[in-house]
PDB file of all heavy atoms in Angstrom:
ATOM      1  N   SER A   1     -82.620  23.672 -66.589  1.00  0.00           N
ATOM      2  CA  SER A   1     -83.676  23.247 -65.728  1.00  0.00           C
ATOM      3  C   SER A   1     -84.948  23.153 -66.313  1.00  0.00           C
ATOM      4  O   SER A   1     -85.923  22.394 -65.936  1.00  0.00           O
ATOM      5  CB  SER A   1     -83.739  24.169 -64.490  1.00  0.00           C
ATOM      6  OG  SER A   1     -83.988  25.527 -64.909  1.00  0.00           O
ATOM      7  N   SER A   2     -85.179  23.764 -67.460  1.00  0.00           N
ATOM      8  CA  SER A   2     -86.495  23.746 -68.270  1.00  0.00           C
ATOM      9  C   SER A   2     -86.643  22.411 -68.736  1.00  0.00           C
ATOM     10  O   SER A   2     -87.875  22.071 -69.231  1.00  0.00           O
ATOM     11  CB  SER A   2     -86.443  24.783 -69.256  1.00  0.00           C
ATOM     12  OG  SER A   2     -85.405  24.675 -70.162  1.00  0.00           O
ATOM     13  N   THR A   3     -85.765  21.487 -68.794  1.00  0.00           N
ATOM     14  CA  THR A   3     -85.868  20.191 -69.343  1.00  0.00           C
ATOM     15  C   THR A   3     -86.100  19.106 -68.335  1.00  0.00           C
ATOM     16  O   THR A   3     -86.231  18.000 -68.639  1.00  0.00           O
ATOM     17  CB  THR A   3     -84.438  19.828 -70.131  1.00  0.00           C
ATOM     18  OG1 THR A   3     -84.027  20.904 -70.874  1.00  0.00           O
ATOM     19  CG2 THR A   3     -84.633  18.537 -70.879  1.00  0.00           C
ATOM     20  N   ILE A   4     -86.229  19.540 -67.045  1.00  0.00           N
ATOM     21  CA  ILE A   4     -86.571  18.656 -65.951  1.00  0.00           C
ATOM     22  C   ILE A   4     -88.162  18.481 -65.853  1.00  0.00           C
ATOM     23  O   ILE A   4     -88.796  19.410 -65.809  1.00  0.00           O
ATOM     24  CB  ILE A   4     -85.987  19.079 -64.666  1.00  0.00           C
ATOM     25  CG1 ILE A   4     -84.414  19.153 -64.754  1.00  0.00           C
ATOM     26  CG2 ILE A   4     -86.354  18.063 -63.455  1.00  0.00           C
ATOM     27  CD1 ILE A   4     -83.779  19.885 -63.493  1.00  0.00           C
ATOM     28  N   ASP A   5     -88.483  17.293 -65.982  1.00  0.00           N
ATOM     29  CA  ASP A   5     -89.892  16.966 -65.675  1.00  0.00           C
ATOM     30  C   ASP A   5     -90.060  16.608 -64.217  1.00  0.00           C
ATOM     31  O   ASP A   5     -89.764  15.480 -63.801  1.00  0.00           O
ATOM     32  CB  ASP A   5     -90.416  15.874 -66.639  1.00  0.00           C
ATOM     33  CG  ASP A   5     -91.841  15.546 -66.630  1.00  0.00           C
ATOM     34  OD1 ASP A   5     -92.483  15.879 -65.426  1.00  0.00           O
ATOM     35  OD2 ASP A   5     -92.417  15.079 -67.652  1.00  0.00           O
ATOM     36  N   TRP A   6     -90.679  17.456 -63.367  1.00  0.00           N
ATOM     37  CA  TRP A   6     -90.747  17.146 -62.001  1.00  0.00           C
ATOM     38  C   TRP A   6     -92.050  16.340 -61.743  1.00  0.00           C
ATOM     39  O   TRP A   6     -92.281  15.886 -60.464  1.00  0.00           O
ATOM     40  CB  TRP A   6     -90.914  18.452 -61.218  1.00  0.00           C
ATOM     41  CG  TRP A   6     -89.625  19.388 -61.407  1.00  0.00           C
ATOM     42  CD1 TRP A   6     -89.465  20.390 -62.119  1.00  0.00           C
ATOM     43  CD2 TRP A   6     -88.389  19.144 -60.642  1.00  0.00           C
ATOM     44  NE1 TRP A   6     -88.202  21.012 -61.947  1.00  0.00           N
ATOM     45  CE2 TRP A   6     -87.545  20.264 -61.052  1.00  0.00           C
ATOM     46  CE3 TRP A   6     -87.887  18.209 -59.754  1.00  0.00           C
ATOM     47  CZ2 TRP A   6     -86.261  20.351 -60.655  1.00  0.00           C
ATOM     48  CZ3 TRP A   6     -86.605  18.317 -59.249  1.00  0.00           C
ATOM     49  CH2 TRP A   6     -85.786  19.435 -59.737  1.00  0.00           C
ATOM     50  N   ASN A   7     -92.817  16.069 -62.678  1.00  0.00           N
ATOM     51  CA  ASN A   7     -94.084  15.440 -62.432  1.00  0.00           C
ATOM     52  C   ASN A   7     -94.195  13.880 -62.741  1.00  0.00           C
ATOM     53  O   ASN A   7     -94.643  13.144 -61.916  1.00  0.00           O
ATOM     54  CB  ASN A   7     -95.289  16.068 -63.274  1.00  0.00           C
ATOM     55  CG  ASN A   7     -95.405  17.506 -62.876  1.00  0.00           C
ATOM     56  OD1 ASN A   7     -95.510  17.816 -61.642  1.00  0.00           O
ATOM     57  ND2 ASN A   7     -95.393  18.386 -63.858  1.00  0.00           N
ATOM     58  N   ILE A   8     -93.639  13.479 -63.853  1.00  0.00           N
ATOM     59  CA  ILE A   8     -93.615  12.127 -64.218  1.00  0.00           C
ATOM     60  C   ILE A   8     -92.587  11.317 -63.323  1.00  0.00           C
ATOM     61  O   ILE A   8     -91.512  11.764 -63.114  1.00  0.00           O
ATOM     62  CB  ILE A   8     -93.305  11.788 -65.640  1.00  0.00           C
ATOM     63  CG1 ILE A   8     -94.396  12.377 -66.552  1.00  0.00           C
ATOM     64  CG2 ILE A   8     -93.012  10.458 -65.903  1.00  0.00           C
ATOM     65  CD1 ILE A   8     -94.127  12.137 -68.095  1.00  0.00           C
ATOM     66  N   LYS A   9     -93.088  10.235 -62.650  1.00  0.00           N
ATOM     67  CA  LYS A   9     -92.241   9.471 -61.718  1.00  0.00           C
ATOM     68  C   LYS A   9     -91.624   8.271 -62.242  1.00  0.00           C
ATOM     69  O   LYS A   9     -90.656   7.780 -61.793  1.00  0.00           O
ATOM     70  CB  LYS A   9     -93.090   9.061 -60.457  1.00  0.00           C
ATOM     71  CG  LYS A   9     -93.814  10.359 -59.767  1.00  0.00           C
ATOM     72  CD  LYS A   9     -92.839  11.280 -59.252  1.00  0.00           C
ATOM     73  CE  LYS A   9     -93.548  12.416 -58.634  1.00  0.00           C
ATOM     74  NZ  LYS A   9     -92.646  13.545 -58.193  1.00  0.00           N
ATOM     75  N   ASP A  10     -92.230   7.789 -63.384  1.00  0.00           N
ATOM     76  CA  ASP A  10     -91.820   6.452 -63.940  1.00  0.00           C
ATOM     77  C   ASP A  10     -91.476   6.753 -65.514  1.00  0.00           C
ATOM     78  O   ASP A  10     -92.285   7.216 -66.189  1.00  0.00           O
ATOM     79  CB  ASP A  10     -92.884   5.425 -63.891  1.00  0.00           C
ATOM     80  CG  ASP A  10     -92.382   3.961 -64.282  1.00  0.00           C
ATOM     81  OD1 ASP A  10     -91.451   3.893 -65.015  1.00  0.00           O
ATOM     82  OD2 ASP A  10     -92.867   3.117 -63.671  1.00  0.00           O
ATOM     83  N   HIS A  11     -90.314   6.432 -65.871  1.00  0.00           N
ATOM     84  CA  HIS A  11     -89.930   6.677 -67.255  1.00  0.00           C
ATOM     85  C   HIS A  11     -90.739   5.974 -68.293  1.00  0.00           C
ATOM     86  O   HIS A  11     -90.843   6.407 -69.468  1.00  0.00           O
ATOM     87  CB  HIS A  11     -88.316   6.279 -67.550  1.00  0.00           C
ATOM     88  CG  HIS A  11     -88.117   4.760 -67.542  1.00  0.00           C
ATOM     89  ND1 HIS A  11     -88.398   3.977 -68.661  1.00  0.00           N
ATOM     90  CD2 HIS A  11     -87.651   3.953 -66.531  1.00  0.00           C
ATOM     91  CE1 HIS A  11     -88.098   2.675 -68.267  1.00  0.00           C
ATOM     92  NE2 HIS A  11     -87.504   2.721 -67.105  1.00  0.00           N
ATOM     93  N   LYS A  12     -91.496   4.894 -67.924  1.00  0.00           N
ATOM     94  CA  LYS A  12     -92.453   4.292 -68.782  1.00  0.00           C
ATOM     95  C   LYS A  12     -93.530   5.161 -69.129  1.00  0.00           C
ATOM     96  O   LYS A  12     -94.311   4.913 -70.221  1.00  0.00           O
ATOM     97  CB  LYS A  12     -92.923   2.892 -68.190  1.00  0.00           C
ATOM     98  CG  LYS A  12     -91.888   1.843 -67.964  1.00  0.00           C
ATOM     99  CD  LYS A  12     -92.472   0.650 -67.340  1.00  0.00           C
ATOM    100  CE  LYS A  12     -91.337  -0.407 -66.957  1.00  0.00           C
ATOM    101  NZ  LYS A  12     -91.823  -1.546 -66.317  1.00  0.00           N
ATOM    102  N   ASP A  13     -93.811   6.218 -68.456  1.00  0.00           N
ATOM    103  CA  ASP A  13     -94.898   7.188 -68.716  1.00  0.00           C
ATOM    104  C   ASP A  13     -94.426   8.181 -69.632  1.00  0.00           C
ATOM    105  O   ASP A  13     -95.208   9.200 -70.096  1.00  0.00           O
ATOM    106  CB  ASP A  13     -95.338   7.773 -67.339  1.00  0.00           C
ATOM    107  CG  ASP A  13     -96.003   6.750 -66.419  1.00  0.00           C
ATOM    108  OD1 ASP A  13     -96.634   5.813 -67.186  1.00  0.00           O
ATOM    109  OD2 ASP A  13     -96.064   6.854 -65.307  1.00  0.00           O
ATOM    110  N   ILE A  14     -93.197   8.332 -70.059  1.00  0.00           N
ATOM    111  CA  ILE A  14     -92.742   9.374 -71.048  1.00  0.00           C
ATOM    112  C   ILE A  14     -93.241   8.967 -72.296  1.00  0.00           C
ATOM    113  O   ILE A  14     -93.055   7.864 -72.831  1.00  0.00           O
ATOM    114  CB  ILE A  14     -91.071   9.473 -71.041  1.00  0.00           C
ATOM    115  CG1 ILE A  14     -90.494   9.783 -69.682  1.00  0.00           C
ATOM    116  CG2 ILE A  14     -90.584  10.378 -72.124  1.00  0.00           C
ATOM    117  CD1 ILE A  14     -89.073   9.701 -69.576  1.00  0.00           C
ATOM    118  N   PRO A  15     -93.899   9.994 -73.052  1.00  0.00           N
ATOM    119  CA  PRO A  15     -94.376   9.772 -74.426  1.00  0.00           C
ATOM    120  C   PRO A  15     -93.093   9.603 -75.284  1.00  0.00           C
ATOM    121  O   PRO A  15     -92.439  10.570 -75.594  1.00  0.00           O
ATOM    122  CB  PRO A  15     -95.259  10.863 -74.785  1.00  0.00           C
ATOM    123  CG  PRO A  15     -94.684  11.878 -73.863  1.00  0.00           C
ATOM    124  CD  PRO A  15     -94.286  11.251 -72.587  1.00  0.00           C
ATOM    125  N   ILE A  16     -92.842   8.379 -75.934  1.00  0.00           N
ATOM    126  CA  ILE A  16     -91.780   8.173 -76.775  1.00  0.00           C
ATOM    127  C   ILE A  16     -92.216   8.378 -78.335  1.00  0.00           C
ATOM    128  O   ILE A  16     -93.036   7.636 -78.707  1.00  0.00           O
ATOM    129  CB  ILE A  16     -91.042   6.849 -76.622  1.00  0.00           C
ATOM    130  CG1 ILE A  16     -90.518   6.676 -75.175  1.00  0.00           C
ATOM    131  CG2 ILE A  16     -89.978   6.645 -77.737  1.00  0.00           C
ATOM    132  CD1 ILE A  16     -89.418   7.572 -74.914  1.00  0.00           C
ATOM    133  N   GLU A  17     -91.733   9.353 -78.949  1.00  0.00           N
ATOM    134  CA  GLU A  17     -92.138   9.676 -80.263  1.00  0.00           C
ATOM    135  C   GLU A  17     -91.633   8.551 -81.228  1.00  0.00           C
ATOM    136  O   GLU A  17     -90.579   8.247 -81.196  1.00  0.00           O
ATOM    137  CB  GLU A  17     -91.585  11.006 -80.603  1.00  0.00           C
ATOM    138  CG  GLU A  17     -92.005  11.673 -82.120  1.00  0.00           C
ATOM    139  CD  GLU A  17     -91.414  12.857 -82.380  1.00  0.00           C
ATOM    140  OE1 GLU A  17     -90.581  13.375 -81.588  1.00  0.00           O
ATOM    141  OE2 GLU A  17     -91.679  13.367 -83.509  1.00  0.00           O
ATOM    142  N   GLU A  18     -92.602   8.107 -82.101  1.00  0.00           N
ATOM    143  CA  GLU A  18     -92.298   7.283 -83.217  1.00  0.00           C
ATOM    144  C   GLU A  18     -92.483   8.050 -84.404  1.00  0.00           C
ATOM    145  O   GLU A  18     -93.636   8.526 -84.875  1.00  0.00           O
ATOM    146  CB  GLU A  18     -93.155   6.032 -83.230  1.00  0.00           C
ATOM    147  CG  GLU A  18     -92.807   5.020 -84.209  1.00  0.00           C
ATOM    148  CD  GLU A  18     -93.476   3.588 -84.158  1.00  0.00           C
ATOM    149  OE1 GLU A  18     -94.243   3.350 -83.112  1.00  0.00           O
ATOM    150  OE2 GLU A  18     -93.230   2.827 -84.986  1.00  0.00           O
ATOM    151  N   ARG A  19     -91.339   8.248 -85.255  1.00  0.00           N
ATOM    152  CA  ARG A  19     -91.484   9.115 -86.433  1.00  0.00           C
ATOM    153  C   ARG A  19     -91.634   8.297 -87.661  1.00  0.00           C
ATOM    154  O   ARG A  19     -91.610   7.102 -87.758  1.00  0.00           O
ATOM    155  CB  ARG A  19     -90.254  10.006 -86.416  1.00  0.00           C
ATOM    156  CG  ARG A  19     -90.147  10.823 -85.147  1.00  0.00           C
ATOM    157  CD  ARG A  19     -88.954  11.858 -85.265  1.00  0.00           C
ATOM    158  NE  ARG A  19     -89.125  12.662 -86.544  1.00  0.00           N
ATOM    159  CZ  ARG A  19     -89.770  13.734 -86.664  1.00  0.00           C
ATOM    160  NH1 ARG A  19     -90.530  14.143 -85.701  1.00  0.00           N
ATOM    161  NH2 ARG A  19     -89.797  14.376 -87.776  1.00  0.00           N
ATOM    162  N   ASN A  20     -91.757   9.161 -88.832  1.00  0.00           N
ATOM    163  CA  ASN A  20     -92.006   8.523 -90.077  1.00  0.00           C
ATOM    164  C   ASN A  20     -90.922   7.523 -90.600  1.00  0.00           C
ATOM    165  O   ASN A  20     -89.748   7.747 -90.230  1.00  0.00           O
ATOM    166  CB  ASN A  20     -92.042   9.787 -91.180  1.00  0.00           C
ATOM    167  CG  ASN A  20     -92.619   9.311 -92.424  1.00  0.00           C
ATOM    168  OD1 ASN A  20     -91.993   8.330 -93.123  1.00  0.00           O
ATOM    169  ND2 ASN A  20     -93.521  10.009 -92.945  1.00  0.00           N
ATOM    170  N   SER A  21     -91.325   6.438 -91.073  1.00  0.00           N
ATOM    171  CA  SER A  21     -90.387   5.452 -91.432  1.00  0.00           C
ATOM    172  C   SER A  21     -89.448   5.884 -92.576  1.00  0.00           C
ATOM    173  O   SER A  21     -88.325   5.304 -92.636  1.00  0.00           O
ATOM    174  CB  SER A  21     -91.157   4.164 -91.966  1.00  0.00           C
ATOM    175  OG  SER A  21     -91.935   4.512 -93.180  1.00  0.00           O
ATOM    176  N   GLU A  22     -89.730   6.798 -93.351  1.00  0.00           N
ATOM    177  CA  GLU A  22     -88.849   7.316 -94.354  1.00  0.00           C
ATOM    178  C   GLU A  22     -87.531   7.842 -93.788  1.00  0.00           C
ATOM    179  O   GLU A  22     -86.599   8.040 -94.497  1.00  0.00           O
ATOM    180  CB  GLU A  22     -89.600   8.339 -95.266  1.00  0.00           C
ATOM    181  CG  GLU A  22     -90.484   7.854 -96.342  1.00  0.00           C
ATOM    182  CD  GLU A  22     -90.803   8.726 -97.490  1.00  0.00           C
ATOM    183  OE1 GLU A  22     -90.166   9.849 -97.412  1.00  0.00           O
ATOM    184  OE2 GLU A  22     -91.618   8.443 -98.258  1.00  0.00           O
ATOM    185  N   GLU A  23     -87.554   8.368 -92.572  1.00  0.00           N
ATOM    186  CA  GLU A  23     -86.365   8.794 -91.919  1.00  0.00           C
ATOM    187  C   GLU A  23     -85.303   7.746 -91.944  1.00  0.00           C
ATOM    188  O   GLU A  23     -84.136   8.047 -92.013  1.00  0.00           O
ATOM    189  CB  GLU A  23     -86.590   9.317 -90.528  1.00  0.00           C
ATOM    190  CG  GLU A  23     -87.402  10.595 -90.501  1.00  0.00           C
ATOM    191  CD  GLU A  23     -87.607  11.182 -89.127  1.00  0.00           C
ATOM    192  OE1 GLU A  23     -87.204  10.434 -88.213  1.00  0.00           O
ATOM    193  OE2 GLU A  23     -88.061  12.364 -89.080  1.00  0.00           O
ATOM    194  N   LEU A  24     -85.691   6.342 -91.853  1.00  0.00           N
ATOM    195  CA  LEU A  24     -84.853   5.268 -91.876  1.00  0.00           C
ATOM    196  C   LEU A  24     -84.579   4.845 -93.264  1.00  0.00           C
ATOM    197  O   LEU A  24     -83.541   4.448 -93.621  1.00  0.00           O
ATOM    198  CB  LEU A  24     -85.386   4.172 -90.994  1.00  0.00           C
ATOM    199  CG  LEU A  24     -85.034   4.293 -89.415  1.00  0.00           C
ATOM    200  CD1 LEU A  24     -85.876   3.251 -88.612  1.00  0.00           C
ATOM    201  CD2 LEU A  24     -83.469   3.962 -89.268  1.00  0.00           C
ATOM    202  N   SER A  25     -85.674   4.673 -94.042  1.00  0.00           N
ATOM    203  CA  SER A  25     -85.505   3.937 -95.325  1.00  0.00           C
ATOM    204  C   SER A  25     -85.040   4.787 -96.344  1.00  0.00           C
ATOM    205  O   SER A  25     -84.648   4.363 -97.487  1.00  0.00           O
ATOM    206  CB  SER A  25     -87.004   3.598 -95.763  1.00  0.00           C
ATOM    207  OG  SER A  25     -87.853   4.592 -95.990  1.00  0.00           O
ATOM    208  N   HIS A  26     -84.931   6.032 -96.292  1.00  0.00           N
ATOM    209  CA  HIS A  26     -84.392   7.023 -97.203  1.00  0.00           C
ATOM    210  C   HIS A  26     -83.306   7.943 -96.648  1.00  0.00           C
ATOM    211  O   HIS A  26     -83.206   8.114 -95.395  1.00  0.00           O
ATOM    212  CB  HIS A  26     -85.500   8.009 -97.740  1.00  0.00           C
ATOM    213  CG  HIS A  26     -86.533   7.243 -98.507  1.00  0.00           C
ATOM    214  ND1 HIS A  26     -87.296   6.329 -97.946  1.00  0.00           N
ATOM    215  CD2 HIS A  26     -86.888   7.345 -99.858  1.00  0.00           C
ATOM    216  CE1 HIS A  26     -88.177   5.897 -98.921  1.00  0.00           C
ATOM    217  NE2 HIS A  26     -87.913   6.448-100.058  1.00  0.00           N
ATOM    218  N   VAL A  27     -82.389   8.335 -97.439  1.00  0.00           N
ATOM    219  CA  VAL A  27     -81.157   9.183 -96.958  1.00  0.00           C
ATOM    220  C   VAL A  27     -81.144  10.282 -97.966  1.00  0.00           C
ATOM    221  O   VAL A  27     -81.465  10.103 -99.184  1.00  0.00           O
ATOM    222  CB  VAL A  27     -79.842   8.558 -96.901  1.00  0.00           C
ATOM    223  CG1 VAL A  27     -79.896   7.500 -95.724  1.00  0.00           C
ATOM    224  CG2 VAL A  27     -79.421   7.897 -98.192  1.00  0.00           C
ATOM    225  N   GLU A  28     -80.746  11.392 -97.497  1.00  0.00           N
ATOM    226  CA  GLU A  28     -80.369  12.596 -98.439  1.00  0.00           C
ATOM    227  C   GLU A  28     -78.893  12.880 -98.378  1.00  0.00           C
ATOM    228  O   GLU A  28     -78.142  12.690 -97.499  1.00  0.00           O
ATOM    229  CB  GLU A  28     -81.074  13.855 -97.807  1.00  0.00           C
ATOM    230  CG  GLU A  28     -82.667  13.860 -98.129  1.00  0.00           C
ATOM    231  CD  GLU A  28     -83.197  15.362 -97.803  1.00  0.00           C
ATOM    232  OE1 GLU A  28     -82.561  16.051 -97.206  1.00  0.00           O
ATOM    233  OE2 GLU A  28     -84.354  15.446 -98.108  1.00  0.00           O
ATOM    234  N   GLY A  29     -78.512  13.497 -99.601  1.00  0.00           N
ATOM    235  CA  GLY A  29     -77.069  13.719 -99.789  1.00  0.00           C
ATOM    236  C   GLY A  29     -76.882  14.432-101.084  1.00  0.00           C
ATOM    237  O   GLY A  29     -77.803  14.634-101.952  1.00  0.00           O
ATOM    238  N   LEU A  30     -75.710  14.873-101.307  1.00  0.00           N
ATOM    239  CA  LEU A  30     -75.306  15.522-102.531  1.00  0.00           C
ATOM    240  C   LEU A  30     -74.981  14.537-103.652  1.00  0.00           C
ATOM    241  O   LEU A  30     -74.190  13.585-103.504  1.00  0.00           O
ATOM    242  CB  LEU A  30     -74.168  16.523-102.419  1.00  0.00           C
ATOM    243  CG  LEU A  30     -74.406  17.610-101.349  1.00  0.00           C
ATOM    244  CD1 LEU A  30     -72.967  18.406-101.275  1.00  0.00           C
ATOM    245  CD2 LEU A  30     -75.432  18.601-101.787  1.00  0.00           C
TER     246      LEU A  30
END
């Protein structure tokens, strides 16, 4: 229940995180 947002009524108001481009352009491995 801690994940429920009882206040925002429209999903367009959810802040969508845009992260560093390197997460896509680079990969890690052995």
